[in-house]
Amino acid sequence: MAEADQSADATTFIEFMLCALRDAISEAVATDQVTDQVATLIRAIGDGEPGSNELMKALGLTHRPTFRGNYLNPALKGDLIERTQPDSPRSPTQRYRLTRKGHRWLQRQAGV
């Protein structure tokens, strides 16, 4: 922004503000689209890195296809969680953690 002040050109400032607005809007849209199931999953993960069996137990689920279809896959597609081993999605030691976007969502829900 100092660059824009020195050159008396508002283009840099306008580009900066448009990018900031785009990011804020996309976060707001993503927050609105979080289902109850995904919200429950995000809260269950918190600051940890649980595996799928731990998550299913914490959520009280026994049917793996339901867990994948309603909880895990939507959270992964929404970039709210990520795999600890992205190159080995079917690894028996696969775990999950919140992304920066997931942490921000969780903080917003807590009123932080």
C-alpha atoms as a PDB file:
ATOM      1  CA  MET A   1       0.000   0.000   0.000  1.00  0.00           C
ATOM      2  CA  ALA A   2       2.979   2.268   0.554  1.00  0.00           C
ATOM      3  CA  GLU A   3       3.763   1.658  -3.099  1.00  0.00           C
ATOM      4  CA  ALA A   4       0.358   3.061  -4.070  1.00  0.00           C
ATOM      5  CA  ASP A   5       0.879   6.124  -1.855  1.00  0.00           C
ATOM      6  CA  GLN A   6       4.281   6.890  -3.340  1.00  0.00           C
ATOM      7  CA  SER A   7       3.182   6.552  -6.926  1.00  0.00           C
ATOM      8  CA  ALA A   8      -0.208   8.218  -6.344  1.00  0.00           C
ATOM      9  CA  ASP A   9      -1.728   5.247  -8.159  1.00  0.00           C
ATOM     10  CA  ALA A  10      -4.713   3.547  -6.565  1.00  0.00           C
ATOM     11  CA  THR A  11      -4.484   0.382  -8.688  1.00  0.00           C
ATOM     12  CA  THR A  12      -2.372  -1.522  -6.151  1.00  0.00           C
ATOM     13  CA  PHE A  13      -4.698  -0.554  -3.315  1.00  0.00           C
ATOM     14  CA  ILE A  14      -7.805  -1.511  -5.290  1.00  0.00           C
ATOM     15  CA  GLU A  15      -6.317  -4.905  -6.200  1.00  0.00           C
ATOM     16  CA  PHE A  16      -5.423  -5.504  -2.547  1.00  0.00           C
ATOM     17  CA  MET A  17      -8.926  -4.619  -1.362  1.00  0.00           C
ATOM     18  CA  LEU A  18     -10.614  -6.746  -4.026  1.00  0.00           C
ATOM     19  CA  CYS A  19      -8.517  -9.762  -3.017  1.00  0.00           C
ATOM     20  CA  ALA A  20      -9.349  -9.189   0.656  1.00  0.00           C
ATOM     21  CA  LEU A  21     -13.060  -8.939  -0.158  1.00  0.00           C
ATOM     22  CA  ARG A  22     -12.949 -12.083  -2.302  1.00  0.00           C
ATOM     23  CA  ASP A  23     -11.291 -14.031   0.520  1.00  0.00           C
ATOM     24  CA  ALA A  24     -13.794 -12.772   3.100  1.00  0.00           C
ATOM     25  CA  ILE A  25     -16.775 -13.628   0.910  1.00  0.00           C
ATOM     26  CA  SER A  26     -15.515 -17.120   0.080  1.00  0.00           C
ATOM     27  CA  GLU A  27     -14.967 -17.799   3.803  1.00  0.00           C
ATOM     28  CA  ALA A  28     -18.460 -16.584   4.639  1.00  0.00           C
ATOM     29  CA  VAL A  29     -19.992 -18.766   1.933  1.00  0.00           C
ATOM     30  CA  ALA A  30     -18.013 -21.786   3.104  1.00  0.00           C
ATOM     31  CA  THR A  31     -19.125 -21.198   6.689  1.00  0.00           C
ATOM     32  CA  ASP A  32     -22.769 -21.076   5.642  1.00  0.00           C
ATOM     33  CA  GLN A  33     -22.427 -24.342   3.735  1.00  0.00           C
ATOM     34  CA  VAL A  34     -21.065 -26.450   6.611  1.00  0.00           C
ATOM     35  CA  THR A  35     -23.589 -29.180   7.368  1.00  0.00           C
ATOM     36  CA  ASP A  36     -24.387 -30.291  10.892  1.00  0.00           C
ATOM     37  CA  GLN A  37     -22.458 -33.510  10.256  1.00  0.00           C
ATOM     38  CA  VAL A  38     -19.332 -31.681   9.066  1.00  0.00           C
ATOM     39  CA  ALA A  39     -19.583 -29.257  11.991  1.00  0.00           C
ATOM     40  CA  THR A  40     -19.689 -32.215  14.382  1.00  0.00           C
ATOM     41  CA  LEU A  41     -16.655 -33.745  12.665  1.00  0.00           C
ATOM     42  CA  ILE A  42     -14.676 -30.492  12.873  1.00  0.00           C
ATOM     43  CA  ARG A  43     -15.407 -30.221  16.592  1.00  0.00           C
ATOM     44  CA  ALA A  44     -14.408 -33.869  17.115  1.00  0.00           C
ATOM     45  CA  ILE A  45     -11.042 -33.314  15.402  1.00  0.00           C
ATOM     46  CA  GLY A  46     -10.279 -30.050  17.216  1.00  0.00           C
ATOM     47  CA  ASP A  47      -6.521 -29.671  17.632  1.00  0.00           C
ATOM     48  CA  GLY A  48      -5.863 -33.395  17.340  1.00  0.00           C
ATOM     49  CA  GLU A  49      -5.059 -35.792  14.507  1.00  0.00           C
ATOM     50  CA  PRO A  50      -7.445 -38.716  14.985  1.00  0.00           C
ATOM     51  CA  GLY A  51      -7.830 -41.656  12.638  1.00  0.00           C
ATOM     52  CA  SER A  52     -11.136 -42.623  11.064  1.00  0.00           C
ATOM     53  CA  ASN A  53     -11.916 -45.298  13.683  1.00  0.00           C
ATOM     54  CA  GLU A  54     -11.367 -42.783  16.500  1.00  0.00           C
ATOM     55  CA  LEU A  55     -13.602 -40.268  14.742  1.00  0.00           C
ATOM     56  CA  MET A  56     -16.364 -42.780  14.105  1.00  0.00           C
ATOM     57  CA  LYS A  57     -16.293 -43.796  17.767  1.00  0.00           C
ATOM     58  CA  ALA A  58     -16.353 -40.150  18.922  1.00  0.00           C
ATOM     59  CA  LEU A  59     -19.315 -39.473  16.622  1.00  0.00           C
ATOM     60  CA  GLY A  60     -21.153 -42.637  17.649  1.00  0.00           C
ATOM     61  CA  LEU A  61     -21.114 -44.053  14.109  1.00  0.00           C
ATOM     62  CA  THR A  62     -20.691 -47.669  13.032  1.00  0.00           C
ATOM     63  CA  HIS A  63     -21.551 -47.497   9.322  1.00  0.00           C
ATOM     64  CA  ARG A  64     -18.366 -46.536   7.452  1.00  0.00           C
ATOM     65  CA  PRO A  65     -20.094 -45.505   4.155  1.00  0.00           C
ATOM     66  CA  THR A  66     -22.300 -43.044   6.067  1.00  0.00           C
ATOM     67  CA  PHE A  67     -19.233 -41.664   7.841  1.00  0.00           C
ATOM     68  CA  ARG A  68     -17.387 -41.189   4.553  1.00  0.00           C
ATOM     69  CA  GLY A  69     -20.344 -39.827   2.586  1.00  0.00           C
ATOM     70  CA  ASN A  70     -21.844 -37.451   5.145  1.00  0.00           C
ATOM     71  CA  TYR A  71     -18.882 -36.428   7.273  1.00  0.00           C
ATOM     72  CA  LEU A  72     -15.412 -37.109   5.896  1.00  0.00           C
ATOM     73  CA  ASN A  73     -15.721 -36.458   2.154  1.00  0.00           C
ATOM     74  CA  PRO A  74     -17.694 -33.185   2.453  1.00  0.00           C
ATOM     75  CA  ALA A  75     -15.155 -31.868   4.991  1.00  0.00           C
ATOM     76  CA  LEU A  76     -12.260 -32.836   2.713  1.00  0.00           C
ATOM     77  CA  LYS A  77     -13.931 -31.277  -0.343  1.00  0.00           C
ATOM     78  CA  GLY A  78     -14.666 -28.104   1.616  1.00  0.00           C
ATOM     79  CA  ASP A  79     -10.974 -27.854   2.551  1.00  0.00           C
ATOM     80  CA  LEU A  80     -11.917 -27.875   6.237  1.00  0.00           C
ATOM     81  CA  ILE A  81      -9.836 -30.955   7.035  1.00  0.00           C
ATOM     82  CA  GLU A  82      -6.860 -32.638   5.408  1.00  0.00           C
ATOM     83  CA  ARG A  83      -5.189 -36.022   5.462  1.00  0.00           C
ATOM     84  CA  THR A  84      -1.905 -36.346   7.312  1.00  0.00           C
ATOM     85  CA  GLN A  85      -0.746 -38.639   4.482  1.00  0.00           C
ATOM     86  CA  PRO A  86      -2.217 -37.057   1.342  1.00  0.00           C
ATOM     87  CA  ASP A  87      -0.335 -39.413  -0.990  1.00  0.00           C
ATOM     88  CA  SER A  88      -1.756 -42.506   0.755  1.00  0.00           C
ATOM     89  CA  PRO A  89      -5.480 -41.888   1.287  1.00  0.00           C
ATOM     90  CA  ARG A  90      -6.182 -45.564   2.078  1.00  0.00           C
ATOM     91  CA  SER A  91      -3.282 -46.052   4.485  1.00  0.00           C
ATOM     92  CA  PRO A  92      -4.286 -47.845   7.700  1.00  0.00           C
ATOM     93  CA  THR A  93      -2.322 -45.190   9.611  1.00  0.00           C
ATOM     94  CA  GLN A  94      -4.141 -42.294   7.898  1.00  0.00           C
ATOM     95  CA  ARG A  95      -5.167 -39.501  10.239  1.00  0.00           C
ATOM     96  CA  TYR A  96      -6.994 -36.212   9.785  1.00  0.00           C
ATOM     97  CA  ARG A  97      -6.412 -32.653  11.000  1.00  0.00           C
ATOM     98  CA  LEU A  98      -8.070 -29.291  10.540  1.00  0.00           C
ATOM     99  CA  THR A  99      -6.827 -26.979   7.811  1.00  0.00           C
ATOM    100  CA  ARG A 100      -6.385 -23.275   8.462  1.00  0.00           C
ATOM    101  CA  LYS A 101      -9.906 -22.791   7.107  1.00  0.00           C
ATOM    102  CA  GLY A 102     -11.205 -25.454   9.507  1.00  0.00           C
ATOM    103  CA  HIS A 103      -9.475 -23.783  12.455  1.00  0.00           C
ATOM    104  CA  ARG A 104     -10.948 -20.408  11.491  1.00  0.00           C
ATOM    105  CA  TRP A 105     -14.428 -21.940  11.251  1.00  0.00           C
ATOM    106  CA  LEU A 106     -14.031 -23.533  14.675  1.00  0.00           C
ATOM    107  CA  GLN A 107     -12.803 -20.272  16.214  1.00  0.00           C
ATOM    108  CA  ARG A 108     -15.731 -18.359  14.713  1.00  0.00           C
ATOM    109  CA  GLN A 109     -18.161 -20.863  16.189  1.00  0.00           C
ATOM    110  CA  ALA A 110     -16.529 -20.421  19.591  1.00  0.00           C
ATOM    111  CA  GLY A 111     -16.851 -16.643  19.262  1.00  0.00           C
ATOM    112  CA  VAL A 112     -13.105 -16.027  19.215  1.00  0.00           C
END
